[in-house]
């Protein structure tokens, strides 16, 4: 009952809450449903995109074709095999490591000023590939020492690949000049003009190492050379990085074969990605969030339909009752032993499983018109329209509240007047 001491705002609020309770409950239920559906669709889309990423990664460089190398001895070379490697046994003799050209120039002191007249020219390479640069010694600061000369050489903008460093021995110091790259074609050239100190140092320089190519013999007879100590693709798919030479009569035998463990690991990524989609859709259906949803039902159906075009059973890929994939390692091993190129034939290429399934998944997630994206957009539109209705409803309730406050305030004023009138008698 309203009297002169009544809090009309509080009563007006209670009346409005009573008026809006049923509608608020309806709004909350619908909003929760839409938000749950949107979250479910986003979760499924995320798993589909993860599967697409796995498919694309596997299709690059034939990552599902992994090969291993077994060597007869360690310490001579690091040998790795790529996808195009032919299985088999190989023998190599490591005759010579590739080295960089290095020369040492003798100087009496590291701290004494050097002569700042004339020029010093350093170059690397032979024939038409030879490149050089000339250092004007007068550009060095007054009192420059051997350290300043070293820095000037290393920091020269037109330096074609020459490096200098200081080597100390007792009271003497040497300027060690090296080619950055190994190989016989990277021979150093040094000359000085109008500078007796540099000319004398060059004339008396010591050769620390010669520029030479790395050399190995395949099968004991076929000589192979490389400017560096890494032989890449001289045998299809193989990289041979040599670190130590053989003594006469020594040989390194290595065997290249398919790495079954690595192949299983790569194939398992396909299985895991596929199952993640199936599990996510199933969990949303079980929670009733997307129960009976045609889009997700179509997703699972078309994924399985796409895989059914390939004889996955022979690869050891099998379905269980819930529609998930599993990898039978024994069947995969038997298949690869009989058909080493079998995975390539089934999985790779424009018509292979990887590209085929990836394109099918694009129809669900690529672009606004994709099926999952379209479903998400529909839910988002419903949610936006619901929010508009809720906002308009809130405005009406605010107006109703103001009307209640006004009405109750008028009643309170009238009651107060009546109480004052009765008080006169």
Protein backbone atom coordinates (compact mmCIF):
# COMPACT_ATOMS: atom_id res chain seq x y z
CA UNK A 1 0.00 0.00 0.00
CA UNK A 2 1.32 3.42 -0.94
CA UNK A 3 1.66 6.05 1.77
CA UNK A 4 3.68 9.19 2.22
CA UNK A 5 6.84 7.21 3.14
CA UNK A 6 6.69 4.64 0.35
CA UNK A 7 9.77 4.22 -1.98
CA UNK A 8 7.89 4.57 -5.27
CA UNK A 9 11.00 3.77 -7.38
CA UNK A 10 11.39 0.43 -5.61
CA UNK A 11 7.72 -0.45 -6.08
CA UNK A 12 7.86 0.63 -9.74
CA UNK A 13 10.95 -1.61 -10.25
CA UNK A 14 9.16 -4.60 -8.68
CA UNK A 15 6.13 -4.08 -10.88
CA UNK A 16 8.31 -3.90 -14.03
CA UNK A 17 10.22 -7.07 -13.01
CA UNK A 18 6.93 -8.89 -12.59
CA UNK A 19 5.73 -7.65 -16.00
CA UNK A 20 8.91 -8.67 -17.84
CA UNK A 21 9.83 -11.93 -16.11
CA UNK A 22 8.17 -14.27 -18.59
CA UNK A 23 9.55 -12.44 -21.63
CA UNK A 24 13.06 -12.25 -20.15
CA UNK A 25 13.00 -16.00 -19.60
CA UNK A 26 11.97 -16.53 -23.22
CA UNK A 27 14.70 -14.21 -24.47
CA UNK A 28 17.35 -15.86 -22.27
CA UNK A 29 16.42 -19.33 -23.49
CA UNK A 30 16.57 -18.35 -27.14
CA UNK A 31 19.82 -16.42 -26.71
CA UNK A 32 21.43 -19.36 -24.92
CA UNK A 33 20.35 -21.70 -27.71
CA UNK A 34 21.71 -19.45 -30.45
CA UNK A 35 25.01 -18.86 -28.62
CA UNK A 36 25.45 -22.60 -27.98
CA UNK A 37 24.83 -23.34 -31.67
CA UNK A 38 27.30 -20.64 -32.74
CA UNK A 39 29.93 -21.98 -30.36
CA UNK A 40 29.33 -25.52 -31.63
CA UNK A 41 29.65 -24.46 -35.29
CA UNK A 42 32.85 -22.53 -34.52
CA UNK A 43 34.29 -25.55 -32.72
CA UNK A 44 33.53 -27.82 -35.68
CA UNK A 45 34.89 -25.29 -38.17
CA UNK A 46 38.11 -25.08 -36.16
CA UNK A 47 38.58 -28.87 -36.29
CA UNK A 48 37.82 -28.92 -40.03
CA UNK A 49 40.43 -26.21 -40.62
CA UNK A 50 42.96 -28.13 -38.54
CA UNK A 51 42.31 -31.20 -40.69
CA UNK A 52 42.76 -29.10 -43.84
CA UNK A 53 46.08 -27.81 -42.51
CA UNK A 54 47.25 -31.35 -41.83
CA UNK A 55 46.23 -32.41 -45.34
CA UNK A 56 48.06 -29.49 -46.92
CA UNK A 57 51.19 -30.14 -44.86
CA UNK A 58 51.19 -33.80 -45.83
CA UNK A 59 50.79 -32.97 -49.52
CA UNK A 60 53.90 -30.77 -49.44
CA UNK A 61 57.16 -32.52 -50.26
CA UNK A 62 55.48 -35.91 -49.90
CA UNK A 63 55.93 -35.85 -46.13
CA UNK A 64 54.12 -39.15 -45.80
CA UNK A 65 57.06 -40.76 -47.62
CA UNK A 66 59.72 -40.79 -44.93
CA UNK A 67 63.07 -42.51 -45.43
CA UNK A 68 65.78 -43.44 -42.95
CA UNK A 69 69.51 -43.96 -43.40
CA UNK A 70 71.55 -46.57 -41.54
CA UNK A 71 75.35 -46.03 -41.60
CA UNK A 72 78.11 -48.56 -40.99
CA UNK A 73 80.16 -46.01 -39.01
CA UNK A 74 79.56 -42.68 -37.32
CA UNK A 75 81.69 -39.55 -37.42
CA UNK A 76 82.40 -39.47 -41.15
CA UNK A 77 79.21 -38.03 -42.56
CA UNK A 78 75.67 -37.03 -41.75
CA UNK A 79 73.41 -38.51 -44.40
CA UNK A 80 69.72 -37.67 -44.75
CA UNK A 81 67.19 -38.97 -47.24
CA UNK A 82 64.33 -37.06 -48.87
CA UNK A 83 61.13 -38.21 -50.51
CA UNK A 84 62.68 -38.96 -53.91
CA UNK A 85 65.39 -41.25 -52.57
CA UNK A 86 65.64 -44.70 -54.05
CA UNK A 87 65.89 -47.44 -51.45
CA UNK A 88 69.14 -49.38 -51.56
CA UNK A 89 72.67 -49.77 -50.23
CA UNK A 90 75.50 -47.40 -51.12
CA UNK A 91 79.24 -47.17 -50.43
CA UNK A 92 81.39 -44.05 -50.43
CA UNK A 93 85.03 -43.23 -49.80
CA UNK A 94 85.66 -39.75 -48.40
CA UNK A 95 88.95 -38.66 -49.96
CA UNK A 96 89.06 -34.92 -49.31
CA UNK A 97 87.21 -32.28 -47.31
CA UNK A 98 86.38 -28.94 -48.87
CA UNK A 99 88.45 -26.15 -47.33
CA UNK A 100 88.65 -22.38 -47.55
CA UNK A 101 91.76 -20.53 -48.70
CA UNK A 102 93.59 -18.98 -45.72
CA UNK A 103 96.82 -16.99 -45.61
CA UNK A 104 98.64 -15.39 -42.66
CA UNK A 105 100.43 -12.04 -42.95
CA UNK A 106 103.19 -11.42 -40.39
CA UNK A 107 103.42 -8.20 -38.38
CA UNK A 108 105.71 -7.31 -35.50
CA UNK A 109 103.16 -5.59 -33.26
CA UNK A 110 99.44 -5.46 -32.71
CA UNK A 111 99.49 -1.98 -31.19
CA UNK A 112 102.03 -0.19 -33.40
CA UNK A 113 100.55 2.20 -36.01
CA UNK A 114 100.46 0.77 -39.53
CA UNK A 115 101.50 2.61 -42.68
CA UNK A 116 98.54 4.61 -44.08
CA UNK A 117 99.77 5.14 -47.62
CA UNK A 118 98.83 3.51 -50.93
CA UNK A 119 96.18 0.79 -51.35
CA UNK A 120 95.51 -2.81 -50.36
CA UNK A 121 93.56 -4.97 -52.82
CA UNK A 122 91.96 -8.26 -51.79
CA UNK A 123 90.01 -10.59 -54.03
CA UNK A 124 88.43 -14.02 -54.19
CA UNK A 125 87.60 -16.32 -57.09
CA UNK A 126 89.19 -17.27 -60.38
CA UNK A 127 88.70 -16.37 -64.02
CA UNK A 128 85.54 -14.52 -64.99
CA UNK A 129 84.10 -15.14 -61.53
CA UNK A 130 86.92 -13.33 -59.72
CA UNK A 131 85.86 -10.36 -57.60
CA UNK A 132 87.99 -7.91 -55.62
CA UNK A 133 87.86 -4.68 -53.67
CA UNK A 134 90.50 -2.02 -52.95
CA UNK A 135 91.03 -0.39 -49.57
CA UNK A 136 92.48 3.13 -49.59
CA UNK A 137 94.86 2.99 -46.64
CA UNK A 138 94.69 6.76 -46.16
CA UNK A 139 91.02 6.42 -45.11
CA UNK A 140 92.13 4.70 -41.91
CA UNK A 141 92.22 6.96 -38.86
CA UNK A 142 95.52 8.49 -37.79
CA UNK A 143 97.43 6.04 -35.60
CA UNK A 144 95.41 3.11 -36.93
CA UNK A 145 96.61 -0.31 -35.81
CA UNK A 146 96.25 -3.81 -37.23
CA UNK A 147 92.85 -4.12 -35.51
CA UNK A 148 91.58 -1.11 -37.45
CA UNK A 149 92.79 -2.67 -40.71
CA UNK A 150 90.98 -5.88 -39.84
CA UNK A 151 87.74 -4.01 -39.17
CA UNK A 152 88.06 -1.98 -42.38
CA UNK A 153 88.42 -5.18 -44.41
CA UNK A 154 85.45 -6.90 -42.76
CA UNK A 155 83.16 -3.87 -42.94
CA UNK A 156 83.90 -2.86 -46.53
CA UNK A 157 80.60 -2.60 -48.42
CA UNK A 158 82.11 -4.02 -51.62
CA UNK A 159 83.87 -6.93 -49.91
CA UNK A 160 83.11 -9.98 -52.13
CA UNK A 161 83.65 -12.61 -49.43
CA UNK A 162 86.98 -12.03 -47.65
CA UNK A 163 87.32 -12.15 -43.89
CA UNK A 164 90.18 -11.02 -41.66
CA UNK A 165 91.01 -11.85 -38.06
CA UNK A 166 94.02 -11.54 -35.78
CA UNK A 167 96.06 -14.51 -34.58
CA UNK A 168 98.55 -13.95 -31.77
CA UNK A 169 101.70 -15.94 -31.03
CA UNK A 170 103.98 -14.66 -28.30
CA UNK A 171 104.94 -11.07 -29.10
CA UNK A 172 104.08 -11.39 -32.81
CA UNK A 173 100.69 -11.09 -34.46
CA UNK A 174 99.35 -12.34 -37.75
CA UNK A 175 96.53 -11.03 -39.92
CA UNK A 176 94.68 -14.18 -40.99
CA UNK A 177 92.84 -13.59 -44.26
CA UNK A 178 90.25 -16.20 -45.31
CA UNK A 179 87.74 -16.76 -48.08
CA UNK A 180 84.22 -17.02 -46.65
CA UNK A 181 83.35 -20.00 -48.82
CA UNK A 182 85.15 -23.29 -49.36
CA UNK A 183 86.06 -24.79 -52.73
CA UNK A 184 88.85 -24.56 -55.29
CA UNK A 185 87.15 -21.69 -57.10
CA UNK A 186 87.40 -19.44 -54.03
CA UNK A 187 91.12 -18.70 -54.16
CA UNK A 188 92.34 -15.50 -52.50
CA UNK A 189 94.39 -12.78 -54.20
CA UNK A 190 96.23 -10.04 -52.28
CA UNK A 191 98.30 -7.12 -53.54
CA UNK A 192 99.47 -3.73 -52.27
CA UNK A 193 100.53 -0.51 -54.00
CA UNK A 194 102.72 2.29 -52.60
CA UNK A 195 102.82 0.64 -49.17
CA UNK A 196 106.05 -1.18 -48.38
CA UNK A 197 104.76 -2.60 -45.10
CA UNK A 198 101.79 -4.31 -46.77
CA UNK A 199 103.86 -5.41 -49.75
CA UNK A 200 106.44 -7.09 -47.51
CA UNK A 201 103.73 -8.81 -45.46
CA UNK A 202 102.10 -10.20 -48.61
CA UNK A 203 105.40 -11.36 -50.09
CA UNK A 204 106.23 -13.27 -46.90
CA UNK A 205 102.73 -14.55 -46.14
CA UNK A 206 102.17 -18.15 -45.05
CA UNK A 207 99.53 -20.37 -46.66
CA UNK A 208 97.49 -21.85 -43.81
CA UNK A 209 95.07 -23.83 -46.00
CA UNK A 210 94.49 -24.12 -49.73
CA UNK A 211 91.19 -23.69 -51.50
CA UNK A 212 89.98 -27.15 -52.41
CA UNK A 213 86.78 -29.01 -53.24
CA UNK A 214 85.38 -31.88 -51.24
CA UNK A 215 85.81 -35.24 -52.98
CA UNK A 216 84.10 -38.56 -52.45
CA UNK A 217 84.00 -41.76 -54.49
CA UNK A 218 80.74 -43.63 -54.95
CA UNK A 219 81.21 -47.37 -55.16
CA UNK A 220 84.98 -46.85 -55.01
CA UNK A 221 85.24 -45.58 -58.60
CA UNK A 222 82.84 -42.73 -59.39
CA UNK A 223 84.37 -39.47 -58.17
CA UNK A 224 82.00 -36.74 -57.03
CA UNK A 225 83.07 -33.20 -56.10
CA UNK A 226 81.47 -30.31 -54.24
CA UNK A 227 82.68 -26.80 -53.39
CA UNK A 228 81.30 -27.35 -49.89
CA UNK A 229 81.33 -30.39 -47.64
CA UNK A 230 77.67 -30.94 -48.38
CA UNK A 231 76.72 -33.07 -51.39
CA UNK A 232 73.08 -32.33 -52.15
CA UNK A 233 71.09 -34.43 -54.59
CA UNK A 234 74.15 -35.90 -56.30
CA UNK A 235 72.21 -39.08 -55.58
CA UNK A 236 68.47 -38.45 -55.93
CA UNK A 237 67.00 -37.29 -52.64
CA UNK A 238 70.19 -37.75 -50.59
CA UNK A 239 72.16 -35.09 -48.71
CA UNK A 240 75.64 -36.16 -47.67
CA UNK A 241 77.42 -33.80 -45.27
CA UNK A 242 80.96 -35.06 -44.80
CA UNK A 243 83.03 -34.28 -41.69
CA UNK A 244 86.06 -36.61 -41.80
CA UNK A 245 88.21 -38.26 -44.46
CA UNK A 246 88.87 -41.98 -44.77
CA UNK A 247 92.17 -43.70 -44.43
CA UNK A 248 93.20 -45.91 -47.37
CA UNK A 249 91.04 -49.02 -47.47
CA UNK A 250 88.25 -47.54 -45.34
CA UNK A 251 84.73 -47.22 -46.70
CA UNK A 252 81.37 -45.95 -45.43
CA UNK A 253 78.40 -48.16 -46.21
CA UNK A 254 74.89 -46.82 -45.73
CA UNK A 255 71.46 -48.23 -46.42
CA UNK A 256 68.43 -46.18 -47.40
CA UNK A 257 64.99 -47.55 -46.67
CA UNK A 258 61.49 -46.35 -45.95
CA UNK A 259 61.16 -45.12 -42.37
CA UNK A 260 58.02 -46.97 -41.31
CA UNK A 261 57.79 -45.25 -37.93
CA UNK A 262 57.96 -41.79 -39.48
CA UNK A 263 55.50 -42.79 -42.20
CA UNK A 264 53.05 -44.05 -39.57
CA UNK A 265 53.49 -40.82 -37.64
CA UNK A 266 52.61 -38.74 -40.69
CA UNK A 267 49.65 -40.93 -41.60
CA UNK A 268 48.45 -40.77 -37.98
CA UNK A 269 48.09 -36.99 -38.39
CA UNK A 270 45.46 -37.64 -41.06
CA UNK A 271 43.69 -40.13 -38.77
CA UNK A 272 43.79 -37.78 -35.76
CA UNK A 273 42.54 -34.80 -37.76
CA UNK A 274 39.67 -36.79 -39.26
CA UNK A 275 38.67 -38.25 -35.89
CA UNK A 276 38.78 -34.82 -34.24
CA UNK A 277 36.07 -33.64 -36.64
CA UNK A 278 33.97 -36.78 -36.03
CA UNK A 279 34.35 -36.48 -32.24
CA UNK A 280 33.45 -32.80 -32.18
CA UNK A 281 30.33 -33.28 -34.32
CA UNK A 282 29.26 -36.30 -32.26
CA UNK A 283 29.71 -34.47 -28.95
CA UNK A 284 27.57 -31.58 -30.17
CA UNK A 285 24.87 -33.97 -31.32
CA UNK A 286 24.99 -35.83 -28.00
CA UNK A 287 24.59 -32.57 -26.09
CA UNK A 288 21.48 -31.79 -28.18
CA UNK A 289 23.07 -28.50 -29.29
CA UNK A 290 23.10 -29.55 -32.93
CA UNK A 291 20.90 -32.61 -32.68
CA UNK A 292 19.44 -33.39 -36.10
CA UNK A 293 21.47 -30.62 -37.73
CA UNK A 294 21.58 -31.23 -41.49
CA UNK A 295 24.85 -29.34 -42.12
CA UNK A 296 27.00 -31.35 -39.73
CA UNK A 297 25.29 -34.58 -40.77
CA UNK A 298 26.19 -33.74 -44.37
CA UNK A 299 29.77 -32.96 -43.34
CA UNK A 300 30.36 -36.42 -41.89
CA UNK A 301 28.55 -38.10 -44.76
CA UNK A 302 30.57 -36.34 -47.45
CA UNK A 303 33.88 -36.83 -45.66
CA UNK A 304 33.28 -40.58 -45.50
CA UNK A 305 31.98 -40.62 -49.06
CA UNK A 306 35.16 -38.91 -50.24
CA UNK A 307 37.38 -41.44 -48.47
CA UNK A 308 35.32 -44.35 -49.79
CA UNK A 309 36.59 -43.56 -53.29
CA UNK A 310 39.99 -44.88 -52.21
CA UNK A 311 40.91 -48.34 -51.05
CA UNK A 312 42.01 -47.27 -47.59
CA UNK A 313 41.70 -50.74 -46.13
CA UNK A 314 44.83 -51.83 -48.00
CA UNK A 315 46.74 -48.97 -46.32
CA UNK A 316 45.64 -50.14 -42.89
CA UNK A 317 43.07 -47.37 -42.47
CA UNK A 318 39.90 -48.83 -40.98
CA UNK A 319 36.57 -47.48 -39.66
CA UNK A 320 35.06 -48.42 -36.32
CA UNK A 321 31.35 -48.45 -35.45
CA UNK A 322 31.35 -44.77 -34.48
CA UNK A 323 32.72 -43.75 -37.89
CA UNK A 324 36.23 -42.98 -36.66
CA UNK A 325 39.43 -44.06 -38.40
CA UNK A 326 42.22 -46.16 -36.96
CA UNK A 327 45.61 -47.17 -38.37
CA UNK A 328 46.49 -50.84 -38.58
CA UNK A 329 50.30 -50.77 -38.54
CA UNK A 330 50.76 -54.36 -39.68
CA UNK A 331 48.62 -53.88 -42.77
CA UNK A 332 50.44 -50.64 -43.62
CA UNK A 333 53.84 -52.34 -43.31
CA UNK A 334 52.75 -55.26 -45.50
CA UNK A 335 51.35 -52.86 -48.09
CA UNK A 336 54.56 -50.78 -48.24
CA UNK A 337 56.77 -53.85 -48.49
CA UNK A 338 54.81 -55.02 -51.53
CA UNK A 339 54.29 -51.56 -53.01
CA UNK A 340 56.81 -48.92 -51.80
CA UNK A 341 55.21 -46.25 -54.01
CA UNK A 342 51.70 -47.18 -52.96
CA UNK A 343 51.18 -44.24 -50.58
CA UNK A 344 52.21 -41.79 -53.28
CA UNK A 345 49.76 -43.28 -55.72
CA UNK A 346 46.84 -43.15 -53.27
CA UNK A 347 47.52 -39.90 -51.42
CA UNK A 348 49.34 -37.50 -53.73
CA UNK A 349 48.50 -35.64 -56.91
CA UNK A 350 45.45 -33.62 -57.90
CA UNK A 351 43.25 -36.72 -57.78
CA UNK A 352 44.83 -38.17 -54.65
CA UNK A 353 43.09 -38.47 -51.32
CA UNK A 354 44.80 -35.46 -49.74
CA UNK A 355 43.73 -32.93 -52.38
CA UNK A 356 40.36 -34.58 -52.90
CA UNK A 357 39.39 -34.43 -49.22
CA UNK A 358 40.80 -30.93 -48.83
CA UNK A 359 38.64 -29.64 -51.70
CA UNK A 360 35.58 -31.28 -50.19
CA UNK A 361 36.27 -29.59 -46.86
CA UNK A 362 36.59 -26.24 -48.67
CA UNK A 363 32.91 -26.48 -49.57
CA UNK A 364 32.17 -26.32 -45.82
CA UNK A 365 34.59 -23.65 -44.62
CA UNK A 366 35.95 -21.59 -47.53
CA UNK A 367 34.01 -18.39 -48.16
CA UNK A 368 30.74 -17.00 -46.84
CA UNK A 369 28.68 -19.34 -49.00
CA UNK A 370 30.43 -22.44 -47.58
CA UNK A 371 27.99 -24.69 -45.75
CA UNK A 372 29.33 -24.31 -42.22
CA UNK A 373 29.92 -20.59 -42.65
CA UNK A 374 26.41 -20.17 -44.03
CA UNK A 375 24.97 -22.02 -41.05
CA UNK A 376 26.99 -19.82 -38.66
CA UNK A 377 25.84 -16.68 -40.47
CA UNK A 378 22.21 -17.77 -40.15
CA UNK A 379 22.57 -18.32 -36.41
CA UNK A 380 24.40 -15.02 -36.02
CA UNK A 381 21.61 -13.23 -37.90
CA UNK A 382 19.01 -14.81 -35.61
CA UNK A 383 21.07 -13.76 -32.61
CA UNK A 384 21.36 -10.19 -33.93
CA UNK A 385 17.60 -9.97 -34.53
CA UNK A 386 16.95 -11.35 -31.05
CA UNK A 387 19.25 -8.73 -29.57
CA UNK A 388 17.34 -6.02 -31.44
CA UNK A 389 14.07 -7.32 -29.95
CA UNK A 390 15.63 -7.42 -26.50
CA UNK A 391 16.85 -3.84 -26.86
CA UNK A 392 13.41 -2.65 -27.95
CA UNK A 393 11.81 -4.58 -25.10
CA UNK A 394 14.23 -2.99 -22.63
CA UNK A 395 13.22 0.43 -23.96
CA UNK A 396 9.52 -0.36 -23.46
CA UNK A 397 10.21 -1.59 -19.96
CA UNK A 398 12.11 1.59 -19.18
CA UNK A 399 9.13 3.60 -20.39
CA UNK A 400 6.81 1.44 -18.30
CA UNK A 401 8.99 1.99 -15.25
CA UNK A 402 8.86 5.75 -15.74
CA UNK A 403 5.08 5.59 -16.10
CA UNK A 404 4.77 3.57 -12.87
CA UNK A 405 6.99 6.01 -11.04
CA UNK A 406 4.90 8.93 -12.29
CA UNK A 407 1.60 7.27 -11.37
CA UNK A 408 2.78 6.16 -7.93
CA UNK A 409 4.27 9.58 -7.26
CA UNK A 410 0.93 11.22 -8.08
CA UNK A 411 -0.85 8.80 -5.76
CA UNK A 412 1.70 9.51 -3.03
CA UNK A 413 1.20 13.27 -3.44
CA UNK A 414 -2.58 12.87 -3.25
CA UNK A 415 -2.33 10.72 -0.12
CA UNK A 416 -0.02 13.27 1.47
CA UNK A 417 -2.53 16.04 0.75
CA UNK A 418 -5.38 13.98 2.24
CA UNK A 419 -3.34 13.27 5.35
CA UNK A 420 -2.66 16.98 5.80
CA UNK A 421 -6.35 17.82 5.34
CA UNK A 422 -7.47 15.23 7.91
CA UNK A 423 -4.87 16.58 10.25
CA UNK A 424 -6.69 19.90 10.47
CA UNK A 425 -9.70 18.32 12.20
